[in-house]
Structure formats: C-alpha cells, structure tokens
Amino acid sequence: MADRSRPGPAAALRSGGHVAGRWADGSPGDVRYEPLNPDLGDALAELFAALRAAGAERWFHPHPLTRDEAERLCAYDGGDVYAVLVDGTRVVAYGMLRGWDAGYEIPSLGIAVHPAERGQGVGRTLMERLHEEAQARGATQVRLTVYADNEPARRLYEELGYELELKGDDLVGYLAL
C-alpha cells in the first residue's frame, strides 16, 4: 500500500481535474475525475467488491454493489451524475448526484471511498468536484443522508459546511452552493 503521509495527487485535484505525479512512496499518482463510462466497468466492479468485503453496505446502499450494477451505471445515459476518482487504472472513489431524472431540483449526493484510501482526502476531493458539477448544472443546493453513528462521514460533511438535522434514525444534510 502506498504511503499517503504527505499530500499526493488527490489534493491537487482540488485545483485541476487531472494530476500526473507520484505519491510519497514513489508509486504512480495519475489521479483524475471521470464521469462513468463503459471503459470503467471492471474498475468500478473492483471497487464495489472491495466495499462489500469491508462491510461498507451497512453505510452505503443506494443500489447493489455488484458487477452487474457497475456495468449498468457505466452505461447510464441520463440527467443524473455518476463519477469516479481514478488513480492510474484503479477507481479509488465513486460518487453520484441523483434526483434530476426523477424531477427533483435538489440532487442527492452520495460517495463511497475505497477502504484503503480512507482518511487521505479522496472523499473530500470527490465531494468538492460533485459540488462543482451540481452548481454547473444549475443546482443551488445539494442534499445527503448519513447514519447518525457514521462519525467519519459526519465529520467530513460538517467540515464541508453541511447543515445536518436528525430525521428518524438518519441525519439529512443540506449545503447551499
């Protein structure tokens, strides 16, 4: 596993879209933001398998985390946004802005970060790119739902400015863009 103790390419994505460089340990760092497309099907399926193996379905379950679903999402052609951060050829994070296809003005944002990449700023970077994407599409705010006991996610969302309020067993957050 790469040593991510110093900022790597993911941090530089905040000011660009593609970064060619190296991580602190010298491993390749070709991190980029990409909308899903059919060429990413295998890499997304590998991320979904890693998420399932880590038990992430407890926290992240907007759809099945299966190869079939990865292929379906990579072939999707609609108004919602499905995108990834890719390091070289490996998907390190997956995110979405959903709801436009169903007629909602405020899209729902969701992300999942590869278990080996958590705590490295990858989720923050992807969320910032999704915020930019929502704003470019005319959204004035985004929403998300998080389990109240998912402390790492709650902390990130609050740091990004989300206002969280309890609705049942979950927290719903809104961010003005």
C-alpha atoms as a PDB file:
ATOM      1  CA  MET A   1       0.000   0.000   0.000  1.00  0.00           C
ATOM      2  CA  ALA A   2       1.246   3.484  -0.847  1.00  0.00           C
ATOM      3  CA  ASP A   3       2.488   5.809   1.873  1.00  0.00           C
ATOM      4  CA  ARG A   4      -0.017   8.640   1.875  1.00  0.00           C
ATOM      5  CA  SER A   5       1.503  10.545   4.827  1.00  0.00           C
ATOM      6  CA  ARG A   6       2.237  13.531   2.589  1.00  0.00           C
ATOM      7  CA  PRO A   7      -0.260  15.149   0.242  1.00  0.00           C
ATOM      8  CA  GLY A   8      -0.496  13.273  -3.008  1.00  0.00           C
ATOM      9  CA  PRO A   9      -2.231  13.840  -6.301  1.00  0.00           C
ATOM     10  CA  ALA A  10      -5.728  13.769  -4.781  1.00  0.00           C
ATOM     11  CA  ALA A  11      -5.041  17.061  -3.007  1.00  0.00           C
ATOM     12  CA  ALA A  12      -4.014  18.682  -6.274  1.00  0.00           C
ATOM     13  CA  LEU A  13      -7.317  17.702  -7.907  1.00  0.00           C
ATOM     14  CA  ARG A  14      -8.949  20.487  -5.930  1.00  0.00           C
ATOM     15  CA  SER A  15      -7.375  22.998  -8.298  1.00  0.00           C
ATOM     16  CA  GLY A  16      -7.495  20.983 -11.500  1.00  0.00           C
ATOM     17  CA  GLY A  17      -9.046  17.893 -12.962  1.00  0.00           C
ATOM     18  CA  HIS A  18      -6.157  15.626 -13.732  1.00  0.00           C
ATOM     19  CA  VAL A  19      -2.871  15.209 -11.940  1.00  0.00           C
ATOM     20  CA  ALA A  20       0.098  13.225 -13.139  1.00  0.00           C
ATOM     21  CA  GLY A  21       2.650  12.712 -10.419  1.00  0.00           C
ATOM     22  CA  ARG A  22       3.823  10.344  -7.729  1.00  0.00           C
ATOM     23  CA  TRP A  23       2.774   9.513  -4.200  1.00  0.00           C
ATOM     24  CA  ALA A  24       5.314   9.932  -1.407  1.00  0.00           C
ATOM     25  CA  ASP A  25       6.492   6.318  -1.788  1.00  0.00           C
ATOM     26  CA  GLY A  26       7.169   6.793  -5.499  1.00  0.00           C
ATOM     27  CA  SER A  27       4.160   4.848  -6.751  1.00  0.00           C
ATOM     28  CA  PRO A  28       2.310   6.334  -9.741  1.00  0.00           C
ATOM     29  CA  GLY A  29      -0.172   9.056  -8.914  1.00  0.00           C
ATOM     30  CA  ASP A  30      -2.257   9.632 -12.017  1.00  0.00           C
ATOM     31  CA  VAL A  31      -5.451  10.749 -10.262  1.00  0.00           C
ATOM     32  CA  ARG A  32      -8.346  12.052 -12.286  1.00  0.00           C
ATOM     33  CA  TYR A  33     -12.080  12.763 -12.012  1.00  0.00           C
ATOM     34  CA  GLU A  34     -14.145  10.975 -14.653  1.00  0.00           C
ATOM     35  CA  PRO A  35     -17.839  10.604 -15.354  1.00  0.00           C
ATOM     36  CA  LEU A  36     -18.681   6.916 -15.558  1.00  0.00           C
ATOM     37  CA  ASN A  37     -18.348   5.353 -18.988  1.00  0.00           C
ATOM     38  CA  PRO A  38     -18.299   1.761 -20.284  1.00  0.00           C
ATOM     39  CA  ASP A  39     -14.487   1.584 -20.089  1.00  0.00           C
ATOM     40  CA  LEU A  40     -14.691   1.911 -16.274  1.00  0.00           C
ATOM     41  CA  GLY A  41     -16.976  -1.094 -15.710  1.00  0.00           C
ATOM     42  CA  ASP A  42     -14.308  -3.511 -14.480  1.00  0.00           C
ATOM     43  CA  ALA A  43     -12.585  -0.934 -12.265  1.00  0.00           C
ATOM     44  CA  LEU A  44     -15.907   0.123 -10.707  1.00  0.00           C
ATOM     45  CA  ALA A  45     -16.836  -3.530 -10.130  1.00  0.00           C
ATOM     46  CA  GLU A  46     -13.495  -3.991  -8.321  1.00  0.00           C
ATOM     47  CA  LEU A  47     -14.271  -1.011  -6.081  1.00  0.00           C
ATOM     48  CA  PHE A  48     -17.732  -2.426  -5.346  1.00  0.00           C
ATOM     49  CA  ALA A  49     -16.145  -5.792  -4.414  1.00  0.00           C
ATOM     50  CA  ALA A  50     -13.705  -4.048  -2.037  1.00  0.00           C
ATOM     51  CA  LEU A  51     -16.577  -2.094  -0.467  1.00  0.00           C
ATOM     52  CA  ARG A  52     -18.607  -5.291   0.046  1.00  0.00           C
ATOM     53  CA  ALA A  53     -15.591  -7.084   1.556  1.00  0.00           C
ATOM     54  CA  ALA A  54     -15.127  -4.203   4.018  1.00  0.00           C
ATOM     55  CA  GLY A  55     -18.797  -4.232   5.055  1.00  0.00           C
ATOM     56  CA  ALA A  56     -19.487  -0.818   3.514  1.00  0.00           C
ATOM     57  CA  GLU A  57     -23.011  -1.853   2.518  1.00  0.00           C
ATOM     58  CA  ARG A  58     -24.018  -1.055   6.096  1.00  0.00           C
ATOM     59  CA  TRP A  59     -23.289   2.628   5.359  1.00  0.00           C
ATOM     60  CA  PHE A  60     -23.638   2.903   1.587  1.00  0.00           C
ATOM     61  CA  HIS A  61     -26.532   1.222  -0.177  1.00  0.00           C
ATOM     62  CA  PRO A  62     -28.144   3.414  -2.843  1.00  0.00           C
ATOM     63  CA  HIS A  63     -28.036   0.378  -5.154  1.00  0.00           C
ATOM     64  CA  PRO A  64     -26.475  -3.106  -5.128  1.00  0.00           C
ATOM     65  CA  LEU A  65     -22.675  -3.135  -5.094  1.00  0.00           C
ATOM     66  CA  THR A  66     -22.426  -5.785  -7.807  1.00  0.00           C
ATOM     67  CA  ARG A  67     -20.646  -6.220 -11.125  1.00  0.00           C
ATOM     68  CA  ASP A  68     -23.994  -6.069 -12.952  1.00  0.00           C
ATOM     69  CA  GLU A  69     -24.817  -2.767 -11.268  1.00  0.00           C
ATOM     70  CA  ALA A  70     -21.352  -1.386 -12.081  1.00  0.00           C
ATOM     71  CA  GLU A  71     -21.877  -2.238 -15.745  1.00  0.00           C
ATOM     72  CA  ARG A  72     -25.374  -0.721 -15.710  1.00  0.00           C
ATOM     73  CA  LEU A  73     -24.110   2.506 -14.142  1.00  0.00           C
ATOM     74  CA  CYS A  74     -21.203   2.744 -16.579  1.00  0.00           C
ATOM     75  CA  ALA A  75     -23.665   2.503 -19.495  1.00  0.00           C
ATOM     76  CA  TYR A  76     -26.117   5.018 -17.959  1.00  0.00           C
ATOM     77  CA  ASP A  77     -27.105   7.955 -20.157  1.00  0.00           C
ATOM     78  CA  GLY A  78     -29.415  10.300 -18.285  1.00  0.00           C
ATOM     79  CA  GLY A  79     -29.556  13.515 -16.317  1.00  0.00           C
ATOM     80  CA  ASP A  80     -28.084  12.272 -13.041  1.00  0.00           C
ATOM     81  CA  VAL A  81     -24.316  12.259 -12.456  1.00  0.00           C
ATOM     82  CA  TYR A  82     -22.224   9.175 -11.677  1.00  0.00           C
ATOM     83  CA  ALA A  83     -18.468   9.751 -11.468  1.00  0.00           C
ATOM     84  CA  VAL A  84     -15.254   8.362 -10.017  1.00  0.00           C
ATOM     85  CA  LEU A  85     -11.767   9.348  -8.976  1.00  0.00           C
ATOM     86  CA  VAL A  86      -9.236   7.109 -10.682  1.00  0.00           C
ATOM     87  CA  ASP A  87      -5.606   6.626  -9.613  1.00  0.00           C
ATOM     88  CA  GLY A  88      -3.868   5.116 -12.614  1.00  0.00           C
ATOM     89  CA  THR A  89      -6.338   2.404 -13.580  1.00  0.00           C
ATOM     90  CA  ARG A  90      -7.867   1.864 -10.121  1.00  0.00           C
ATOM     91  CA  VAL A  91     -11.111   3.525  -9.010  1.00  0.00           C
ATOM     92  CA  VAL A  92     -10.421   4.973  -5.553  1.00  0.00           C
ATOM     93  CA  ALA A  93     -13.787   6.698  -5.020  1.00  0.00           C
ATOM     94  CA  TYR A  94     -17.262   6.685  -6.537  1.00  0.00           C
ATOM     95  CA  GLY A  95     -19.897   9.375  -6.270  1.00  0.00           C
ATOM     96  CA  MET A  96     -23.271  10.428  -7.557  1.00  0.00           C
ATOM     97  CA  LEU A  97     -25.713  13.279  -7.811  1.00  0.00           C
ATOM     98  CA  ARG A  98     -29.161  11.745  -8.222  1.00  0.00           C
ATOM     99  CA  GLY A  99     -32.693  13.025  -8.411  1.00  0.00           C
ATOM    100  CA  TRP A 100     -32.730  15.122 -11.561  1.00  0.00           C
ATOM    101  CA  ASP A 101     -34.067  12.180 -13.600  1.00  0.00           C
ATOM    102  CA  ALA A 102     -36.933  11.905 -11.095  1.00  0.00           C
ATOM    103  CA  GLY A 103     -37.722  15.626 -11.350  1.00  0.00           C
ATOM    104  CA  TYR A 104     -36.128  16.886  -8.128  1.00  0.00           C
ATOM    105  CA  GLU A 105     -34.478  20.313  -8.132  1.00  0.00           C
ATOM    106  CA  ILE A 106     -32.096  19.418  -5.295  1.00  0.00           C
ATOM    107  CA  PRO A 107     -29.871  16.457  -6.155  1.00  0.00           C
ATOM    108  CA  SER A 108     -28.897  13.875  -3.555  1.00  0.00           C
ATOM    109  CA  LEU A 109     -25.155  13.358  -3.242  1.00  0.00           C
ATOM    110  CA  GLY A 110     -23.553  10.079  -2.240  1.00  0.00           C
ATOM    111  CA  ILE A 111     -19.957   8.873  -2.175  1.00  0.00           C
ATOM    112  CA  ALA A 112     -18.038   5.712  -1.371  1.00  0.00           C
ATOM    113  CA  VAL A 113     -14.257   5.629  -0.905  1.00  0.00           C
ATOM    114  CA  HIS A 114     -12.088   2.537  -1.347  1.00  0.00           C
ATOM    115  CA  PRO A 115     -11.283   1.182   2.143  1.00  0.00           C
ATOM    116  CA  ALA A 116      -7.518   1.519   1.514  1.00  0.00           C
ATOM    117  CA  GLU A 117      -7.907   5.206   0.591  1.00  0.00           C
ATOM    118  CA  ARG A 118      -9.985   6.454   3.515  1.00  0.00           C
ATOM    119  CA  GLY A 119      -8.604   9.344   5.520  1.00  0.00           C
ATOM    120  CA  GLN A 120      -6.464  10.609   2.618  1.00  0.00           C
ATOM    121  CA  GLY A 121      -8.722  13.426   1.358  1.00  0.00           C
ATOM    122  CA  VAL A 122     -10.125  11.407  -1.522  1.00  0.00           C
ATOM    123  CA  GLY A 123     -13.742  11.691  -0.329  1.00  0.00           C
ATOM    124  CA  ARG A 124     -13.426  15.431   0.229  1.00  0.00           C
ATOM    125  CA  THR A 125     -11.932  15.890  -3.233  1.00  0.00           C
ATOM    126  CA  LEU A 126     -14.713  13.914  -4.902  1.00  0.00           C
ATOM    127  CA  MET A 127     -17.394  15.796  -2.976  1.00  0.00           C
ATOM    128  CA  GLU A 128     -15.905  19.142  -3.998  1.00  0.00           C
ATOM    129  CA  ARG A 129     -15.945  18.058  -7.656  1.00  0.00           C
ATOM    130  CA  LEU A 130     -19.559  16.894  -7.315  1.00  0.00           C
ATOM    131  CA  HIS A 131     -20.495  20.237  -5.734  1.00  0.00           C
ATOM    132  CA  GLU A 132     -18.940  21.991  -8.747  1.00  0.00           C
ATOM    133  CA  GLU A 133     -20.834  19.675 -11.097  1.00  0.00           C
ATOM    134  CA  ALA A 134     -24.149  20.364  -9.332  1.00  0.00           C
ATOM    135  CA  GLN A 135     -23.568  24.105  -9.449  1.00  0.00           C
ATOM    136  CA  ALA A 136     -22.649  23.971 -13.159  1.00  0.00           C
ATOM    137  CA  ARG A 137     -25.967  22.201 -13.783  1.00  0.00           C
ATOM    138  CA  GLY A 138     -27.895  24.965 -12.029  1.00  0.00           C
ATOM    139  CA  ALA A 139     -28.425  23.453  -8.581  1.00  0.00           C
ATOM    140  CA  THR A 140     -28.435  25.963  -5.727  1.00  0.00           C
ATOM    141  CA  GLN A 141     -28.017  23.283  -3.078  1.00  0.00           C
ATOM    142  CA  VAL A 142     -27.358  19.570  -2.618  1.00  0.00           C
ATOM    143  CA  ARG A 143     -28.578  17.129  -0.015  1.00  0.00           C
ATOM    144  CA  LEU A 144     -27.309  13.905   1.507  1.00  0.00           C
ATOM    145  CA  THR A 145     -28.290  11.355   4.114  1.00  0.00           C
ATOM    146  CA  VAL A 146     -25.894   9.835   6.636  1.00  0.00           C
ATOM    147  CA  TYR A 147     -26.314   7.448   9.538  1.00  0.00           C
ATOM    148  CA  ALA A 148     -26.027   9.307  12.833  1.00  0.00           C
ATOM    149  CA  ASP A 149     -23.344   6.859  14.049  1.00  0.00           C
ATOM    150  CA  ASN A 150     -21.144   7.211  10.929  1.00  0.00           C
ATOM    151  CA  GLU A 151     -18.709   9.598  12.617  1.00  0.00           C
ATOM    152  CA  PRO A 152     -16.056   9.881   9.862  1.00  0.00           C
ATOM    153  CA  ALA A 153     -18.669  10.776   7.238  1.00  0.00           C
ATOM    154  CA  ARG A 154     -20.484  13.185   9.559  1.00  0.00           C
ATOM    155  CA  ARG A 155     -17.231  14.961  10.350  1.00  0.00           C
ATOM    156  CA  LEU A 156     -16.397  15.367   6.655  1.00  0.00           C
ATOM    157  CA  TYR A 157     -19.855  16.653   5.785  1.00  0.00           C
ATOM    158  CA  GLU A 158     -19.841  19.158   8.629  1.00  0.00           C
ATOM    159  CA  GLU A 159     -16.337  20.349   7.647  1.00  0.00           C
ATOM    160  CA  LEU A 160     -17.651  20.947   4.128  1.00  0.00           C
ATOM    161  CA  GLY A 161     -20.474  23.097   5.528  1.00  0.00           C
ATOM    162  CA  TYR A 162     -23.445  20.741   5.505  1.00  0.00           C
ATOM    163  CA  GLU A 163     -26.185  21.566   7.987  1.00  0.00           C
ATOM    164  CA  LEU A 164     -27.240  18.192   9.427  1.00  0.00           C
ATOM    165  CA  GLU A 165     -30.549  17.534  11.137  1.00  0.00           C
ATOM    166  CA  LEU A 166     -31.979  14.344  12.589  1.00  0.00           C
ATOM    167  CA  LYS A 167     -34.809  12.722  10.597  1.00  0.00           C
ATOM    168  CA  GLY A 168     -35.752   9.409  12.157  1.00  0.00           C
ATOM    169  CA  ASP A 169     -32.577   7.376  12.658  1.00  0.00           C
ATOM    170  CA  ASP A 170     -30.635   9.270   9.994  1.00  0.00           C
ATOM    171  CA  LEU A 171     -29.208  12.715   9.526  1.00  0.00           C
ATOM    172  CA  VAL A 172     -30.151  14.699   6.443  1.00  0.00           C
ATOM    173  CA  GLY A 173     -27.742  17.390   5.346  1.00  0.00           C
ATOM    174  CA  TYR A 174     -28.090  20.335   3.019  1.00  0.00           C
ATOM    175  CA  LEU A 175     -25.379  22.511   1.532  1.00  0.00           C
ATOM    176  CA  ALA A 176     -26.021  25.796  -0.256  1.00  0.00           C
ATOM    177  CA  LEU A 177     -23.870  26.106  -3.377  1.00  0.00           C
END
